[in-house]
PDB file of N, CA and C in Angstrom:
ATOM      1  N   MET A   1      14.387  39.459  -2.916  1.00  0.00           N
ATOM      2  CA  MET A   1      14.782  39.668  -4.283  1.00  0.00           C
ATOM      3  C   MET A   1      16.297  39.849  -4.362  1.00  0.00           C
ATOM      4  N   LEU A   2      16.795  39.632  -5.556  1.00  0.00           N
ATOM      5  CA  LEU A   2      18.236  39.720  -5.770  1.00  0.00           C
ATOM      6  C   LEU A   2      18.761  41.128  -5.516  1.00  0.00           C
ATOM      7  N   THR A   3      18.011  42.121  -5.928  1.00  0.00           N
ATOM      8  CA  THR A   3      18.490  43.496  -5.750  1.00  0.00           C
ATOM      9  C   THR A   3      18.667  43.846  -4.278  1.00  0.00           C
ATOM     10  N   ASP A   4      17.823  43.313  -3.407  1.00  0.00           N
ATOM     11  CA  ASP A   4      17.974  43.583  -1.976  1.00  0.00           C
ATOM     12  C   ASP A   4      19.302  43.040  -1.450  1.00  0.00           C
ATOM     13  N   TYR A   5      19.628  41.825  -1.847  1.00  0.00           N
ATOM     14  CA  TYR A   5      20.898  41.229  -1.425  1.00  0.00           C
ATOM     15  C   TYR A   5      22.086  42.007  -1.981  1.00  0.00           C
ATOM     16  N   LEU A   6      21.981  42.428  -3.231  1.00  0.00           N
ATOM     17  CA  LEU A   6      23.084  43.170  -3.838  1.00  0.00           C
ATOM     18  C   LEU A   6      23.251  44.550  -3.206  1.00  0.00           C
ATOM     19  N   ILE A   7      22.162  45.184  -2.806  1.00  0.00           N
ATOM     20  CA  ILE A   7      22.263  46.476  -2.120  1.00  0.00           C
ATOM     21  C   ILE A   7      22.926  46.309  -0.766  1.00  0.00           C
ATOM     22  N   VAL A   8      22.504  45.309  -0.013  1.00  0.00           N
ATOM     23  CA  VAL A   8      23.127  45.058   1.299  1.00  0.00           C
ATOM     24  C   VAL A   8      24.601  44.726   1.125  1.00  0.00           C
ATOM     25  N   SER A   9      24.918  43.915   0.127  1.00  0.00           N
ATOM     26  CA  SER A   9      26.305  43.560  -0.120  1.00  0.00           C
ATOM     27  C   SER A   9      27.125  44.774  -0.518  1.00  0.00           C
ATOM     28  N   GLY A  10      26.571  45.639  -1.343  1.00  0.00           N
ATOM     29  CA  GLY A  10      27.283  46.854  -1.751  1.00  0.00           C
ATOM     30  C   GLY A  10      27.525  47.788  -0.576  1.00  0.00           C
ATOM     31  N   VAL A  11      26.538  47.926   0.302  1.00  0.00           N
ATOM     32  CA  VAL A  11      26.716  48.774   1.489  1.00  0.00           C
ATOM     33  C   VAL A  11      27.783  48.185   2.403  1.00  0.00           C
ATOM     34  N   LEU A  12      27.759  46.868   2.619  1.00  0.00           N
ATOM     35  CA  LEU A  12      28.779  46.229   3.446  1.00  0.00           C
ATOM     36  C   LEU A  12      30.173  46.417   2.863  1.00  0.00           C
ATOM     37  N   PHE A  13      30.279  46.246   1.551  1.00  0.00           N
ATOM     38  CA  PHE A  13      31.584  46.397   0.908  1.00  0.00           C
ATOM     39  C   PHE A  13      32.063  47.843   0.998  1.00  0.00           C
ATOM     40  N   ALA A  14      31.163  48.802   0.789  1.00  0.00           N
ATOM     41  CA  ALA A  14      31.539  50.217   0.881  1.00  0.00           C
ATOM     42  C   ALA A  14      31.977  50.575   2.302  1.00  0.00           C
ATOM     43  N   LEU A  15      31.283  50.053   3.298  1.00  0.00           N
ATOM     44  CA  LEU A  15      31.693  50.296   4.685  1.00  0.00           C
ATOM     45  C   LEU A  15      33.055  49.677   4.981  1.00  0.00           C
ATOM     46  N   GLY A  16      33.303  48.498   4.428  1.00  0.00           N
ATOM     47  CA  GLY A  16      34.602  47.861   4.616  1.00  0.00           C
ATOM     48  C   GLY A  16      35.725  48.651   3.976  1.00  0.00           C
ATOM     49  N   VAL A  17      35.508  49.119   2.756  1.00  0.00           N
ATOM     50  CA  VAL A  17      36.532  49.916   2.074  1.00  0.00           C
ATOM     51  C   VAL A  17      36.753  51.228   2.817  1.00  0.00           C
ATOM     52  N   ALA A  18      35.677  51.850   3.282  1.00  0.00           N
ATOM     53  CA  ALA A  18      35.816  53.097   4.032  1.00  0.00           C
ATOM     54  C   ALA A  18      36.572  52.862   5.339  1.00  0.00           C
ATOM     55  N   GLY A  19      36.322  51.728   5.982  1.00  0.00           N
ATOM     56  CA  GLY A  19      37.039  51.407   7.216  1.00  0.00           C
ATOM     57  C   GLY A  19      38.519  51.217   6.992  1.00  0.00           C
ATOM     58  N   VAL A  20      38.880  50.586   5.893  1.00  0.00           N
ATOM     59  CA  VAL A  20      40.303  50.397   5.583  1.00  0.00           C
ATOM     60  C   VAL A  20      40.953  51.728   5.213  1.00  0.00           C
ATOM     61  N   ALA A  21      40.226  52.560   4.470  1.00  0.00           N
ATOM     62  CA  ALA A  21      40.805  53.809   3.985  1.00  0.00           C
ATOM     63  C   ALA A  21      40.924  54.874   5.070  1.00  0.00           C
ATOM     64  N   MET A  22      39.981  54.920   5.989  1.00  0.00           N
ATOM     65  CA  MET A  22      39.944  56.036   6.930  1.00  0.00           C
ATOM     66  C   MET A  22      40.532  55.742   8.303  1.00  0.00           C
ATOM     67  N   ARG A  23      40.544  54.523   8.715  1.00  0.00           N
ATOM     68  CA  ARG A  23      40.983  54.214  10.073  1.00  0.00           C
ATOM     69  C   ARG A  23      42.484  53.970  10.113  1.00  0.00           C
ATOM     70  N   ARG A  24      43.084  54.196  11.261  1.00  0.00           N
ATOM     71  CA  ARG A  24      44.514  53.988  11.432  1.00  0.00           C
ATOM     72  C   ARG A  24      44.819  52.898  12.455  1.00  0.00           C
ATOM     73  N   ASN A  25      43.808  52.255  12.976  1.00  0.00           N
ATOM     74  CA  ASN A  25      44.004  51.159  13.908  1.00  0.00           C
ATOM     75  C   ASN A  25      44.028  49.852  13.119  1.00  0.00           C
ATOM     76  N   ILE A  26      45.028  49.040  13.357  1.00  0.00           N
ATOM     77  CA  ILE A  26      45.193  47.808  12.586  1.00  0.00           C
ATOM     78  C   ILE A  26      44.040  46.840  12.817  1.00  0.00           C
ATOM     79  N   LEU A  27      43.527  46.770  14.045  1.00  0.00           N
ATOM     80  CA  LEU A  27      42.419  45.864  14.330  1.00  0.00           C
ATOM     81  C   LEU A  27      41.164  46.262  13.558  1.00  0.00           C
ATOM     82  N   VAL A  28      40.886  47.549  13.491  1.00  0.00           N
ATOM     83  CA  VAL A  28      39.710  48.018  12.743  1.00  0.00           C
ATOM     84  C   VAL A  28      39.901  47.750  11.252  1.00  0.00           C
ATOM     85  N   MET A  29      41.114  47.933  10.769  1.00  0.00           N
ATOM     86  CA  MET A  29      41.380  47.659   9.359  1.00  0.00           C
ATOM     87  C   MET A  29      41.191  46.177   9.046  1.00  0.00           C
ATOM     88  N   LEU A  30      41.622  45.309   9.936  1.00  0.00           N
ATOM     89  CA  LEU A  30      41.454  43.869   9.740  1.00  0.00           C
ATOM     90  C   LEU A  30      39.972  43.492   9.727  1.00  0.00           C
ATOM     91  N   MET A  31      39.193  44.079  10.625  1.00  0.00           N
ATOM     92  CA  MET A  31      37.753  43.812  10.631  1.00  0.00           C
ATOM     93  C   MET A  31      37.081  44.350   9.369  1.00  0.00           C
ATOM     94  N   SER A  32      37.579  45.459   8.846  1.00  0.00           N
ATOM     95  CA  SER A  32      37.014  46.020   7.617  1.00  0.00           C
ATOM     96  C   SER A  32      37.292  45.120   6.418  1.00  0.00           C
ATOM     97  N   VAL A  33      38.470  44.529   6.371  1.00  0.00           N
ATOM     98  CA  VAL A  33      38.780  43.581   5.298  1.00  0.00           C
ATOM     99  C   VAL A  33      37.861  42.362   5.392  1.00  0.00           C
ATOM    100  N   GLU A  34      37.599  41.912   6.606  1.00  0.00           N
ATOM    101  CA  GLU A  34      36.675  40.790   6.785  1.00  0.00           C
ATOM    102  C   GLU A  34      35.267  41.159   6.322  1.00  0.00           C
ATOM    103  N   MET A  35      34.866  42.404   6.553  1.00  0.00           N
ATOM    104  CA  MET A  35      33.554  42.851   6.096  1.00  0.00           C
ATOM    105  C   MET A  35      33.480  42.842   4.572  1.00  0.00           C
ATOM    106  N   CYS A  36      34.563  43.227   3.907  1.00  0.00           N
ATOM    107  CA  CYS A  36      34.605  43.179   2.443  1.00  0.00           C
ATOM    108  C   CYS A  36      34.491  41.737   1.942  1.00  0.00           C
ATOM    109  N   LEU A  37      35.176  40.826   2.589  1.00  0.00           N
ATOM    110  CA  LEU A  37      35.091  39.415   2.192  1.00  0.00           C
ATOM    111  C   LEU A  37      33.678  38.874   2.382  1.00  0.00           C
ATOM    112  N   ASN A  38      33.032  39.243   3.480  1.00  0.00           N
ATOM    113  CA  ASN A  38      31.667  38.778   3.717  1.00  0.00           C
ATOM    114  C   ASN A  38      30.689  39.382   2.715  1.00  0.00           C
ATOM    115  N   ALA A  39      30.924  40.609   2.294  1.00  0.00           N
ATOM    116  CA  ALA A  39      30.083  41.214   1.261  1.00  0.00           C
ATOM    117  C   ALA A  39      30.230  40.456  -0.056  1.00  0.00           C
ATOM    118  N   ALA A  40      31.452  40.089  -0.392  1.00  0.00           N
ATOM    119  CA  ALA A  40      31.671  39.309  -1.615  1.00  0.00           C
ATOM    120  C   ALA A  40      31.009  37.932  -1.506  1.00  0.00           C
ATOM    121  N   ASN A  41      31.092  37.311  -0.343  1.00  0.00           N
ATOM    122  CA  ASN A  41      30.430  36.019  -0.134  1.00  0.00           C
ATOM    123  C   ASN A  41      28.926  36.140  -0.310  1.00  0.00           C
ATOM    124  N   LEU A  42      28.339  37.186   0.250  1.00  0.00           N
ATOM    125  CA  LEU A  42      26.902  37.393   0.122  1.00  0.00           C
ATOM    126  C   LEU A  42      26.504  37.568  -1.337  1.00  0.00           C
ATOM    127  N   THR A  43      27.297  38.296  -2.093  1.00  0.00           N
ATOM    128  CA  THR A  43      27.006  38.501  -3.506  1.00  0.00           C
ATOM    129  C   THR A  43      27.070  37.193  -4.287  1.00  0.00           C
ATOM    130  N   VAL A  44      28.095  36.410  -4.042  1.00  0.00           N
ATOM    131  CA  VAL A  44      28.256  35.146  -4.776  1.00  0.00           C
ATOM    132  C   VAL A  44      27.105  34.191  -4.489  1.00  0.00           C
ATOM    133  N   VAL A  45      26.736  34.072  -3.219  1.00  0.00           N
ATOM    134  CA  VAL A  45      25.660  33.145  -2.863  1.00  0.00           C
ATOM    135  C   VAL A  45      24.318  33.649  -3.394  1.00  0.00           C
ATOM    136  N   ALA A  46      24.077  34.955  -3.332  1.00  0.00           N
ATOM    137  CA  ALA A  46      22.814  35.499  -3.839  1.00  0.00           C
ATOM    138  C   ALA A  46      22.713  35.318  -5.350  1.00  0.00           C
ATOM    139  N   LEU A  47      23.808  35.577  -6.059  1.00  0.00           N
ATOM    140  CA  LEU A  47      23.775  35.395  -7.513  1.00  0.00           C
ATOM    141  C   LEU A  47      23.558  33.938  -7.885  1.00  0.00           C
ATOM    142  N   GLN A  48      24.176  33.029  -7.156  1.00  0.00           N
ATOM    143  CA  GLN A  48      23.995  31.611  -7.440  1.00  0.00           C
ATOM    144  C   GLN A  48      22.551  31.188  -7.161  1.00  0.00           C
ATOM    145  N   ARG A  49      21.933  31.787  -6.159  1.00  0.00           N
ATOM    146  CA  ARG A  49      20.577  31.417  -5.789  1.00  0.00           C
ATOM    147  C   ARG A  49      19.553  31.909  -6.808  1.00  0.00           C
ATOM    148  N   TYR A  50      19.750  33.125  -7.313  1.00  0.00           N
ATOM    149  CA  TYR A  50      18.730  33.725  -8.158  1.00  0.00           C
ATOM    150  C   TYR A  50      18.986  33.594  -9.655  1.00  0.00           C
ATOM    151  N   MET A  51      20.173  33.215 -10.052  1.00  0.00           N
ATOM    152  CA  MET A  51      20.452  33.057 -11.479  1.00  0.00           C
ATOM    153  C   MET A  51      20.129  31.629 -11.922  1.00  0.00           C
ATOM    154  N   PRO A  52      19.737  31.458 -13.180  1.00  0.00           N
ATOM    155  CA  PRO A  52      19.454  30.100 -13.651  1.00  0.00           C
ATOM    156  C   PRO A  52      20.741  29.265 -13.674  1.00  0.00           C
ATOM    157  N   PRO A  53      20.624  27.975 -13.405  1.00  0.00           N
ATOM    158  CA  PRO A  53      21.824  27.135 -13.385  1.00  0.00           C
ATOM    159  C   PRO A  53      22.418  26.965 -14.777  1.00  0.00           C
ATOM    160  N   HIS A  54      23.718  26.823 -14.801  1.00  0.00           N
ATOM    161  CA  HIS A  54      24.421  26.586 -16.064  1.00  0.00           C
ATOM    162  C   HIS A  54      24.187  25.141 -16.468  1.00  0.00           C
ATOM    163  N   PRO A  55      23.964  24.873 -17.752  1.00  0.00           N
ATOM    164  CA  PRO A  55      23.663  23.496 -18.169  1.00  0.00           C
ATOM    165  C   PRO A  55      24.789  22.501 -17.901  1.00  0.00           C
ATOM    166  N   GLU A  56      26.035  22.964 -17.875  1.00  0.00           N
ATOM    167  CA  GLU A  56      27.158  22.054 -17.642  1.00  0.00           C
ATOM    168  C   GLU A  56      27.605  22.051 -16.188  1.00  0.00           C
ATOM    169  N   SER A  57      26.803  22.626 -15.299  1.00  0.00           N
ATOM    170  CA  SER A  57      27.174  22.721 -13.890  1.00  0.00           C
ATOM    171  C   SER A  57      27.145  21.342 -13.239  1.00  0.00           C
ATOM    172  N   VAL A  58      28.194  21.036 -12.502  1.00  0.00           N
ATOM    173  CA  VAL A  58      28.284  19.745 -11.830  1.00  0.00           C
ATOM    174  C   VAL A  58      27.465  19.753 -10.553  1.00  0.00           C
ATOM    175  N   SER A  59      27.577  20.832  -9.778  1.00  0.00           N
ATOM    176  CA  SER A  59      26.899  20.906  -8.500  1.00  0.00           C
ATOM    177  C   SER A  59      26.125  22.215  -8.394  1.00  0.00           C
ATOM    178  N   PRO A  60      24.911  22.156  -7.872  1.00  0.00           N
ATOM    179  CA  PRO A  60      24.165  23.402  -7.676  1.00  0.00           C
ATOM    180  C   PRO A  60      24.633  24.176  -6.438  1.00  0.00           C
ATOM    181  N   TYR A  61      25.587  23.610  -5.712  1.00  0.00           N
ATOM    182  CA  TYR A  61      26.064  24.231  -4.476  1.00  0.00           C
ATOM    183  C   TYR A  61      27.480  24.780  -4.608  1.00  0.00           C
ATOM    184  N   GLY A  62      27.897  25.106  -5.808  1.00  0.00           N
ATOM    185  CA  GLY A  62      29.250  25.591  -6.030  1.00  0.00           C
ATOM    186  C   GLY A  62      29.549  26.882  -5.298  1.00  0.00           C
ATOM    187  N   ALA A  63      28.585  27.789  -5.243  1.00  0.00           N
ATOM    188  CA  ALA A  63      28.803  29.073  -4.573  1.00  0.00           C
ATOM    189  C   ALA A  63      28.948  28.888  -3.063  1.00  0.00           C
ATOM    190  N   GLN A  64      28.161  27.990  -2.499  1.00  0.00           N
ATOM    191  CA  GLN A  64      28.268  27.745  -1.059  1.00  0.00           C
ATOM    192  C   GLN A  64      29.602  27.113  -0.711  1.00  0.00           C
ATOM    193  N   VAL A  65      30.075  26.210  -1.545  1.00  0.00           N
ATOM    194  CA  VAL A  65      31.368  25.577  -1.297  1.00  0.00           C
ATOM    195  C   VAL A  65      32.487  26.607  -1.405  1.00  0.00           C
ATOM    196  N   MET A  66      32.412  27.470  -2.422  1.00  0.00           N
ATOM    197  CA  MET A  66      33.426  28.513  -2.567  1.00  0.00           C
ATOM    198  C   MET A  66      33.392  29.467  -1.373  1.00  0.00           C
ATOM    199  N   THR A  67      32.210  29.786  -0.889  1.00  0.00           N
ATOM    200  CA  THR A  67      32.076  30.665   0.269  1.00  0.00           C
ATOM    201  C   THR A  67      32.706  30.038   1.502  1.00  0.00           C
ATOM    202  N   LEU A  68      32.543  28.740   1.673  1.00  0.00           N
ATOM    203  CA  LEU A  68      33.176  28.069   2.817  1.00  0.00           C
ATOM    204  C   LEU A  68      34.694  28.135   2.720  1.00  0.00           C
ATOM    205  N   PHE A  69      35.236  27.998   1.522  1.00  0.00           N
ATOM    206  CA  PHE A  69      36.687  28.126   1.351  1.00  0.00           C
ATOM    207  C   PHE A  69      37.150  29.548   1.655  1.00  0.00           C
ATOM    208  N   VAL A  70      36.373  30.547   1.243  1.00  0.00           N
ATOM    209  CA  VAL A  70      36.734  31.936   1.530  1.00  0.00           C
ATOM    210  C   VAL A  70      36.691  32.196   3.031  1.00  0.00           C
ATOM    211  N   ILE A  71      35.704  31.637   3.724  1.00  0.00           N
ATOM    212  CA  ILE A  71      35.627  31.799   5.175  1.00  0.00           C
ATOM    213  C   ILE A  71      36.822  31.135   5.843  1.00  0.00           C
ATOM    214  N   ALA A  72      37.226  29.962   5.370  1.00  0.00           N
ATOM    215  CA  ALA A  72      38.407  29.300   5.928  1.00  0.00           C
ATOM    216  C   ALA A  72      39.666  30.116   5.670  1.00  0.00           C
ATOM    217  N   LEU A  73      39.778  30.686   4.479  1.00  0.00           N
ATOM    218  CA  LEU A  73      40.907  31.554   4.164  1.00  0.00           C
ATOM    219  C   LEU A  73      40.906  32.796   5.049  1.00  0.00           C
ATOM    220  N   ALA A  74      39.740  33.359   5.302  1.00  0.00           N
ATOM    221  CA  ALA A  74      39.634  34.533   6.163  1.00  0.00           C
ATOM    222  C   ALA A  74      40.042  34.196   7.594  1.00  0.00           C
ATOM    223  N   ALA A  75      39.701  33.009   8.056  1.00  0.00           N
ATOM    224  CA  ALA A  75      40.102  32.602   9.402  1.00  0.00           C
ATOM    225  C   ALA A  75      41.619  32.479   9.511  1.00  0.00           C
ATOM    226  N   ALA A  76      42.245  31.939   8.477  1.00  0.00           N
ATOM    227  CA  ALA A  76      43.714  31.855   8.475  1.00  0.00           C
ATOM    228  C   ALA A  76      44.328  33.245   8.416  1.00  0.00           C
ATOM    229  N   GLU A  77      43.723  34.130   7.645  1.00  0.00           N
ATOM    230  CA  GLU A  77      44.214  35.507   7.560  1.00  0.00           C
ATOM    231  C   GLU A  77      44.129  36.200   8.910  1.00  0.00           C
ATOM    232  N   VAL A  78      43.039  35.989   9.615  1.00  0.00           N
ATOM    233  CA  VAL A  78      42.883  36.605  10.938  1.00  0.00           C
ATOM    234  C   VAL A  78      43.918  36.060  11.904  1.00  0.00           C
ATOM    235  N   ALA A  79      44.198  34.777  11.849  1.00  0.00           N
ATOM    236  CA  ALA A  79      45.197  34.197  12.748  1.00  0.00           C
ATOM    237  C   ALA A  79      46.575  34.817  12.513  1.00  0.00           C
ATOM    238  N   VAL A  80      46.965  34.943  11.252  1.00  0.00           N
ATOM    239  CA  VAL A  80      48.264  35.544  10.937  1.00  0.00           C
ATOM    240  C   VAL A  80      48.258  37.029  11.268  1.00  0.00           C
ATOM    241  N   GLY A  81      47.166  37.712  10.931  1.00  0.00           N
ATOM    242  CA  GLY A  81      47.079  39.144  11.216  1.00  0.00           C
ATOM    243  C   GLY A  81      47.134  39.449  12.702  1.00  0.00           C
ATOM    244  N   LEU A  82      46.435  38.679  13.494  1.00  0.00           N
ATOM    245  CA  LEU A  82      46.469  38.910  14.944  1.00  0.00           C
ATOM    246  C   LEU A  82      47.842  38.600  15.524  1.00  0.00           C
ATOM    247  N   ALA A  83      48.516  37.612  14.987  1.00  0.00           N
ATOM    248  CA  ALA A  83      49.881  37.325  15.449  1.00  0.00           C
ATOM    249  C   ALA A  83      50.805  38.501  15.149  1.00  0.00           C
ATOM    250  N   LEU A  84      50.661  39.082  13.960  1.00  0.00           N
ATOM    251  CA  LEU A  84      51.468  40.254  13.618  1.00  0.00           C
ATOM    252  C   LEU A  84      51.119  41.449  14.501  1.00  0.00           C
ATOM    253  N   ILE A  85      49.853  41.622  14.794  1.00  0.00           N
ATOM    254  CA  ILE A  85      49.435  42.739  15.645  1.00  0.00           C
ATOM    255  C   ILE A  85      49.980  42.576  17.058  1.00  0.00           C
ATOM    256  N   VAL A  86      49.946  41.362  17.580  1.00  0.00           N
ATOM    257  CA  VAL A  86      50.493  41.115  18.926  1.00  0.00           C
ATOM    258  C   VAL A  86      51.996  41.382  18.936  1.00  0.00           C
ATOM    259  N   ALA A  87      52.698  40.947  17.897  1.00  0.00           N
ATOM    260  CA  ALA A  87      54.142  41.205  17.823  1.00  0.00           C
ATOM    261  C   ALA A  87      54.426  42.696  17.738  1.00  0.00           C
ATOM    262  N   LEU A  88      53.650  43.417  16.951  1.00  0.00           N
ATOM    263  CA  LEU A  88      53.825  44.869  16.856  1.00  0.00           C
ATOM    264  C   LEU A  88      53.528  45.542  18.185  1.00  0.00           C
ATOM    265  N   PHE A  89      52.478  45.090  18.868  1.00  0.00           N
ATOM    266  CA  PHE A  89      52.122  45.696  20.149  1.00  0.00           C
ATOM    267  C   PHE A  89      53.209  45.456  21.197  1.00  0.00           C
ATOM    268  N   ARG A  90      53.835  44.287  21.159  1.00  0.00           N
ATOM    269  CA  ARG A  90      54.912  44.006  22.115  1.00  0.00           C
ATOM    270  C   ARG A  90      56.107  44.921  21.904  1.00  0.00           C
ATOM    271  N   VAL A  91      56.381  45.280  20.647  1.00  0.00           N
ATOM    272  CA  VAL A  91      57.532  46.126  20.351  1.00  0.00           C
ATOM    273  C   VAL A  91      57.212  47.599  20.568  1.00  0.00           C
ATOM    274  N   LYS A  92      56.076  48.061  20.053  1.00  0.00           N
ATOM    275  CA  LYS A  92      55.765  49.492  20.039  1.00  0.00           C
ATOM    276  C   LYS A  92      54.723  49.926  21.056  1.00  0.00           C
ATOM    277  N   ARG A  93      54.032  49.004  21.705  1.00  0.00           N
ATOM    278  CA  ARG A  93      52.961  49.313  22.659  1.00  0.00           C
ATOM    279  C   ARG A  93      51.852  50.138  22.014  1.00  0.00           C
ATOM    280  N   SER A  94      51.591  49.866  20.746  1.00  0.00           N
ATOM    281  CA  SER A  94      50.539  50.562  20.019  1.00  0.00           C
ATOM    282  C   SER A  94      50.109  49.689  18.843  1.00  0.00           C
ATOM    283  N   THR A  95      48.846  49.871  18.419  1.00  0.00           N
ATOM    284  CA  THR A  95      48.363  49.167  17.231  1.00  0.00           C
ATOM    285  C   THR A  95      48.088  50.152  16.102  1.00  0.00           C
ATOM    286  N   SER A  96      48.762  51.266  16.089  1.00  0.00           N
ATOM    287  CA  SER A  96      48.573  52.291  15.082  1.00  0.00           C
ATOM    288  C   SER A  96      49.390  51.958  13.821  1.00  0.00           C
ATOM    289  N   VAL A  97      48.839  52.314  12.665  1.00  0.00           N
ATOM    290  CA  VAL A  97      49.505  52.048  11.399  1.00  0.00           C
ATOM    291  C   VAL A  97      50.775  52.892  11.267  1.00  0.00           C
ATOM    292  N   GLU A  98      50.787  54.078  11.876  1.00  0.00           N
ATOM    293  CA  GLU A  98      51.968  54.933  11.784  1.00  0.00           C
ATOM    294  C   GLU A  98      53.200  54.267  12.403  1.00  0.00           C
ATOM    295  N   GLN A  99      53.002  53.390  13.350  1.00  0.00           N
ATOM    296  CA  GLN A  99      54.118  52.703  13.976  1.00  0.00           C
ATOM    297  C   GLN A  99      54.797  51.724  13.013  1.00  0.00           C
ATOM    298  N   LEU A 100      54.054  51.252  12.000  1.00  0.00           N
ATOM    299  CA  LEU A 100      54.644  50.313  11.035  1.00  0.00           C
ATOM    300  C   LEU A 100      55.718  50.952  10.189  1.00  0.00           C
ATOM    301  N   SER A 101      55.585  52.238   9.873  1.00  0.00           N
ATOM    302  CA  SER A 101      56.591  52.886   9.039  1.00  0.00           C
ATOM    303  C   SER A 101      57.936  52.980   9.751  1.00  0.00           C
ATOM    304  N   GLU A 102      57.932  52.989  11.077  1.00  0.00           N
ATOM    305  CA  GLU A 102      59.180  53.039  11.827  1.00  0.00           C
ATOM    306  C   GLU A 102      59.908  51.706  11.824  1.00  0.00           C
ATOM    307  N   LEU A 103      59.214  50.616  11.496  1.00  0.00           N
ATOM    308  CA  LEU A 103      59.832  49.291  11.489  1.00  0.00           C
ATOM    309  C   LEU A 103      60.567  48.995  10.183  1.00  0.00           C
ATOM    310  N   LYS A 104      60.483  49.875   9.186  1.00  0.00           N
ATOM    311  CA  LYS A 104      61.098  49.621   7.882  1.00  0.00           C
ATOM    312  C   LYS A 104      62.636  49.646   7.971  1.00  0.00           C
ATOM    313  N   ALA A 105      63.195  50.519   8.743  1.00  0.00           N
ATOM    314  CA  ALA A 105      64.650  50.701   8.782  1.00  0.00           C
ATOM    315  C   ALA A 105      65.358  49.637   9.547  1.00  0.00           C
TER     316      ALA A 105
END
């Protein structure tokens, strides 16, 4: 049922937000953002599956196509994020968020 998917998606999104808010490790924060994106993807696909189609809809697979674009965007985000984390680790020998504030000056 739709409510089951929405509950799972809400729990995933809440865990992702909690991971970003509470953790100080950049890698964990990056994984939490990915969890939020996957929760949004699950919601979009579930809503498209269980809601009646729009009469002017061109394709019944619009949500799946959008989800694939979001996954591709997330992969690019991870590539850039990991490059930044490696650069930070080379300079500071740590992946802690507190080390980023020292790089401002």
